[in-house]
Amino acid sequence: MIPSLEHVFFIPAVLLVGLAIGFRLGAKAARDELEKERRRRLE
């Protein structure tokens, strides 16, 4: 069974959007954690 042309573009596009969202959320969590650690060291 050959996937339709829409699936060939849609599935990778959805994966890329998910990857971008995950990267953004992960980067924000990492920055927040580093800031929390820095504040803890200054106290």
PDB file of N, CA and C in Angstrom:
ATOM      1  N   MET A   1       0.838  -1.184   0.000  1.00  0.00           N
ATOM      2  CA  MET A   1       0.000   0.000   0.000  1.00  0.00           C
ATOM      3  C   MET A   1       0.887   1.252   0.000  1.00  0.00           C
ATOM      4  N   ILE A   2       0.719   2.094  -0.976  1.00  0.00           N
ATOM      5  CA  ILE A   2       1.525   3.304  -1.118  1.00  0.00           C
ATOM      6  C   ILE A   2       0.808   4.457  -0.405  1.00  0.00           C
ATOM      7  N   PRO A   3       1.512   5.171   0.498  1.00  0.00           N
ATOM      8  CA  PRO A   3       0.863   6.308   1.168  1.00  0.00           C
ATOM      9  C   PRO A   3       0.619   7.443   0.179  1.00  0.00           C
ATOM     10  N   SER A   4      -0.426   8.185   0.447  1.00  0.00           N
ATOM     11  CA  SER A   4      -0.748   9.301  -0.442  1.00  0.00           C
ATOM     12  C   SER A   4       0.284  10.415  -0.286  1.00  0.00           C
ATOM     13  N   LEU A   5       0.293  11.306  -1.223  1.00  0.00           N
ATOM     14  CA  LEU A   5       1.256  12.403  -1.223  1.00  0.00           C
ATOM     15  C   LEU A   5       1.072  13.302  -0.004  1.00  0.00           C
ATOM     16  N   GLU A   6      -0.175  13.450   0.461  1.00  0.00           N
ATOM     17  CA  GLU A   6      -0.424  14.275   1.645  1.00  0.00           C
ATOM     18  C   GLU A   6       0.294  13.708   2.873  1.00  0.00           C
ATOM     19  N   HIS A   7       0.275  12.384   2.999  1.00  0.00           N
ATOM     20  CA  HIS A   7       0.934  11.767   4.151  1.00  0.00           C
ATOM     21  C   HIS A   7       2.444  11.941   4.098  1.00  0.00           C
ATOM     22  N   VAL A   8       2.986  11.921   2.892  1.00  0.00           N
ATOM     23  CA  VAL A   8       4.438  12.065   2.743  1.00  0.00           C
ATOM     24  C   VAL A   8       4.903  13.406   3.289  1.00  0.00           C
ATOM     25  N   PHE A   9       4.076  14.447   3.163  1.00  0.00           N
ATOM     26  CA  PHE A   9       4.440  15.767   3.675  1.00  0.00           C
ATOM     27  C   PHE A   9       3.891  16.024   5.066  1.00  0.00           C
ATOM     28  N   PHE A  10       2.714  15.524   5.364  1.00  0.00           N
ATOM     29  CA  PHE A  10       2.038  15.831   6.626  1.00  0.00           C
ATOM     30  C   PHE A  10       2.745  15.195   7.820  1.00  0.00           C
ATOM     31  N   ILE A  11       3.100  13.922   7.715  1.00  0.00           N
ATOM     32  CA  ILE A  11       3.697  13.224   8.860  1.00  0.00           C
ATOM     33  C   ILE A  11       5.039  13.842   9.248  1.00  0.00           C
ATOM     34  N   PRO A  12       5.979  14.070   8.335  1.00  0.00           N
ATOM     35  CA  PRO A  12       7.225  14.738   8.738  1.00  0.00           C
ATOM     36  C   PRO A  12       6.992  16.151   9.269  1.00  0.00           C
ATOM     37  N   ALA A  13       6.004  16.859   8.724  1.00  0.00           N
ATOM     38  CA  ALA A  13       5.719  18.211   9.204  1.00  0.00           C
ATOM     39  C   ALA A  13       5.248  18.171  10.655  1.00  0.00           C
ATOM     40  N   VAL A  14       4.386  17.228  10.985  1.00  0.00           N
ATOM     41  CA  VAL A  14       3.901  17.089  12.360  1.00  0.00           C
ATOM     42  C   VAL A  14       5.066  16.714  13.286  1.00  0.00           C
ATOM     43  N   LEU A  15       5.925  15.828  12.839  1.00  0.00           N
ATOM     44  CA  LEU A  15       7.085  15.445  13.650  1.00  0.00           C
ATOM     45  C   LEU A  15       8.013  16.638  13.885  1.00  0.00           C
ATOM     46  N   LEU A  16       8.225  17.452  12.872  1.00  0.00           N
ATOM     47  CA  LEU A  16       9.088  18.619  13.027  1.00  0.00           C
ATOM     48  C   LEU A  16       8.476  19.648  13.967  1.00  0.00           C
ATOM     49  N   VAL A  17       7.171  19.844  13.882  1.00  0.00           N
ATOM     50  CA  VAL A  17       6.501  20.780  14.791  1.00  0.00           C
ATOM     51  C   VAL A  17       6.629  20.271  16.225  1.00  0.00           C
ATOM     52  N   GLY A  18       6.414  18.988  16.431  1.00  0.00           N
ATOM     53  CA  GLY A  18       6.565  18.409  17.768  1.00  0.00           C
ATOM     54  C   GLY A  18       7.984  18.532  18.282  1.00  0.00           C
ATOM     55  N   LEU A  19       8.945  18.328  17.413  1.00  0.00           N
ATOM     56  CA  LEU A  19      10.345  18.466  17.802  1.00  0.00           C
ATOM     57  C   LEU A  19      10.661  19.903  18.195  1.00  0.00           C
ATOM     58  N   ALA A  20      10.148  20.868  17.441  1.00  0.00           N
ATOM     59  CA  ALA A  20      10.393  22.282  17.741  1.00  0.00           C
ATOM     60  C   ALA A  20       9.754  22.667  19.077  1.00  0.00           C
ATOM     61  N   ILE A  21       8.529  22.211  19.321  1.00  0.00           N
ATOM     62  CA  ILE A  21       7.857  22.522  20.588  1.00  0.00           C
ATOM     63  C   ILE A  21       8.606  21.883  21.746  1.00  0.00           C
ATOM     64  N   GLY A  22       9.000  20.641  21.589  1.00  0.00           N
ATOM     65  CA  GLY A  22       9.756  19.960  22.640  1.00  0.00           C
ATOM     66  C   GLY A  22      11.090  20.627  22.920  1.00  0.00           C
ATOM     67  N   PHE A  23      11.752  21.088  21.874  1.00  0.00           N
ATOM     68  CA  PHE A  23      13.027  21.774  22.059  1.00  0.00           C
ATOM     69  C   PHE A  23      12.838  23.070  22.833  1.00  0.00           C
ATOM     70  N   ARG A  24      11.787  23.817  22.474  1.00  0.00           N
ATOM     71  CA  ARG A  24      11.514  25.087  23.173  1.00  0.00           C
ATOM     72  C   ARG A  24      11.214  24.852  24.648  1.00  0.00           C
ATOM     73  N   LEU A  25      10.353  23.884  24.932  1.00  0.00           N
ATOM     74  CA  LEU A  25       9.983  23.616  26.324  1.00  0.00           C
ATOM     75  C   LEU A  25      11.175  23.081  27.113  1.00  0.00           C
ATOM     76  N   GLY A  26      11.967  22.230  26.489  1.00  0.00           N
ATOM     77  CA  GLY A  26      13.145  21.692  27.160  1.00  0.00           C
ATOM     78  C   GLY A  26      14.180  22.768  27.438  1.00  0.00           C
ATOM     79  N   ALA A  27      14.382  23.663  26.487  1.00  0.00           N
ATOM     80  CA  ALA A  27      15.350  24.745  26.676  1.00  0.00           C
ATOM     81  C   ALA A  27      14.892  25.682  27.790  1.00  0.00           C
ATOM     82  N   LYS A  28      13.593  25.958  27.846  1.00  0.00           N
ATOM     83  CA  LYS A  28      13.066  26.824  28.903  1.00  0.00           C
ATOM     84  C   LYS A  28      13.233  26.163  30.266  1.00  0.00           C
ATOM     85  N   ALA A  29      12.957  24.879  30.345  1.00  0.00           N
ATOM     86  CA  ALA A  29      13.116  24.161  31.612  1.00  0.00           C
ATOM     87  C   ALA A  29      14.584  24.155  32.046  1.00  0.00           C
ATOM     88  N   ALA A  30      15.490  23.980  31.110  1.00  0.00           N
ATOM     89  CA  ALA A  30      16.914  23.983  31.439  1.00  0.00           C
ATOM     90  C   ALA A  30      17.356  25.354  31.928  1.00  0.00           C
ATOM     91  N   ARG A  31      16.893  26.426  31.256  1.00  0.00           N
ATOM     92  CA  ARG A  31      17.237  27.780  31.707  1.00  0.00           C
ATOM     93  C   ARG A  31      16.690  28.053  33.101  1.00  0.00           C
ATOM     94  N   ASP A  32      15.450  27.645  33.349  1.00  0.00           N
ATOM     95  CA  ASP A  32      14.852  27.847  34.672  1.00  0.00           C
ATOM     96  C   ASP A  32      15.633  27.104  35.752  1.00  0.00           C
ATOM     97  N   GLU A  33      16.048  25.893  35.444  1.00  0.00           N
ATOM     98  CA  GLU A  33      16.806  25.094  36.405  1.00  0.00           C
ATOM     99  C   GLU A  33      18.166  25.730  36.690  1.00  0.00           C
ATOM    100  N   LEU A  34      18.836  26.226  35.655  1.00  0.00           N
ATOM    101  CA  LEU A  34      20.126  26.885  35.856  1.00  0.00           C
ATOM    102  C   LEU A  34      19.966  28.159  36.684  1.00  0.00           C
ATOM    103  N   GLU A  35      18.906  28.911  36.424  1.00  0.00           N
ATOM    104  CA  GLU A  35      18.653  30.132  37.196  1.00  0.00           C
ATOM    105  C   GLU A  35      18.367  29.811  38.656  1.00  0.00           C
ATOM    106  N   LYS A  36      17.618  28.758  38.891  1.00  0.00           N
ATOM    107  CA  LYS A  36      17.315  28.350  40.266  1.00  0.00           C
ATOM    108  C   LYS A  36      18.599  27.927  40.998  1.00  0.00           C
ATOM    109  N   GLU A  37      19.456  27.200  40.292  1.00  0.00           N
ATOM    110  CA  GLU A  37      20.731  26.771  40.895  1.00  0.00           C
ATOM    111  C   GLU A  37      21.618  27.991  41.192  1.00  0.00           C
ATOM    112  N   ARG A  38      21.637  28.958  40.264  1.00  0.00           N
ATOM    113  CA  ARG A  38      22.456  30.157  40.476  1.00  0.00           C
ATOM    114  C   ARG A  38      21.958  30.947  41.682  1.00  0.00           C
ATOM    115  N   ARG A  39      20.648  31.071  41.795  1.00  0.00           N
ATOM    116  CA  ARG A  39      20.087  31.799  42.955  1.00  0.00           C
ATOM    117  C   ARG A  39      20.399  31.087  44.260  1.00  0.00           C
ATOM    118  N   ARG A  40      20.349  29.753  44.235  1.00  0.00           N
ATOM    119  CA  ARG A  40      20.623  28.986  45.433  1.00  0.00           C
ATOM    120  C   ARG A  40      22.081  29.162  45.881  1.00  0.00           C
ATOM    121  N   ARG A  41      22.992  29.244  44.915  1.00  0.00           N
ATOM    122  CA  ARG A  41      24.408  29.427  45.251  1.00  0.00           C
ATOM    123  C   ARG A  41      24.690  30.815  45.803  1.00  0.00           C
ATOM    124  N   LEU A  42      23.924  31.816  45.366  1.00  0.00           N
ATOM    125  CA  LEU A  42      24.166  33.180  45.833  1.00  0.00           C
ATOM    126  C   LEU A  42      23.658  33.407  47.248  1.00  0.00           C
ATOM    127  N   GLU A  43      22.740  32.581  47.690  1.00  0.00           N
ATOM    128  CA  GLU A  43      22.174  32.769  49.045  1.00  0.00           C
ATOM    129  C   GLU A  43      23.128  32.322  50.129  1.00  0.00           C
TER     130      GLU A  43
END
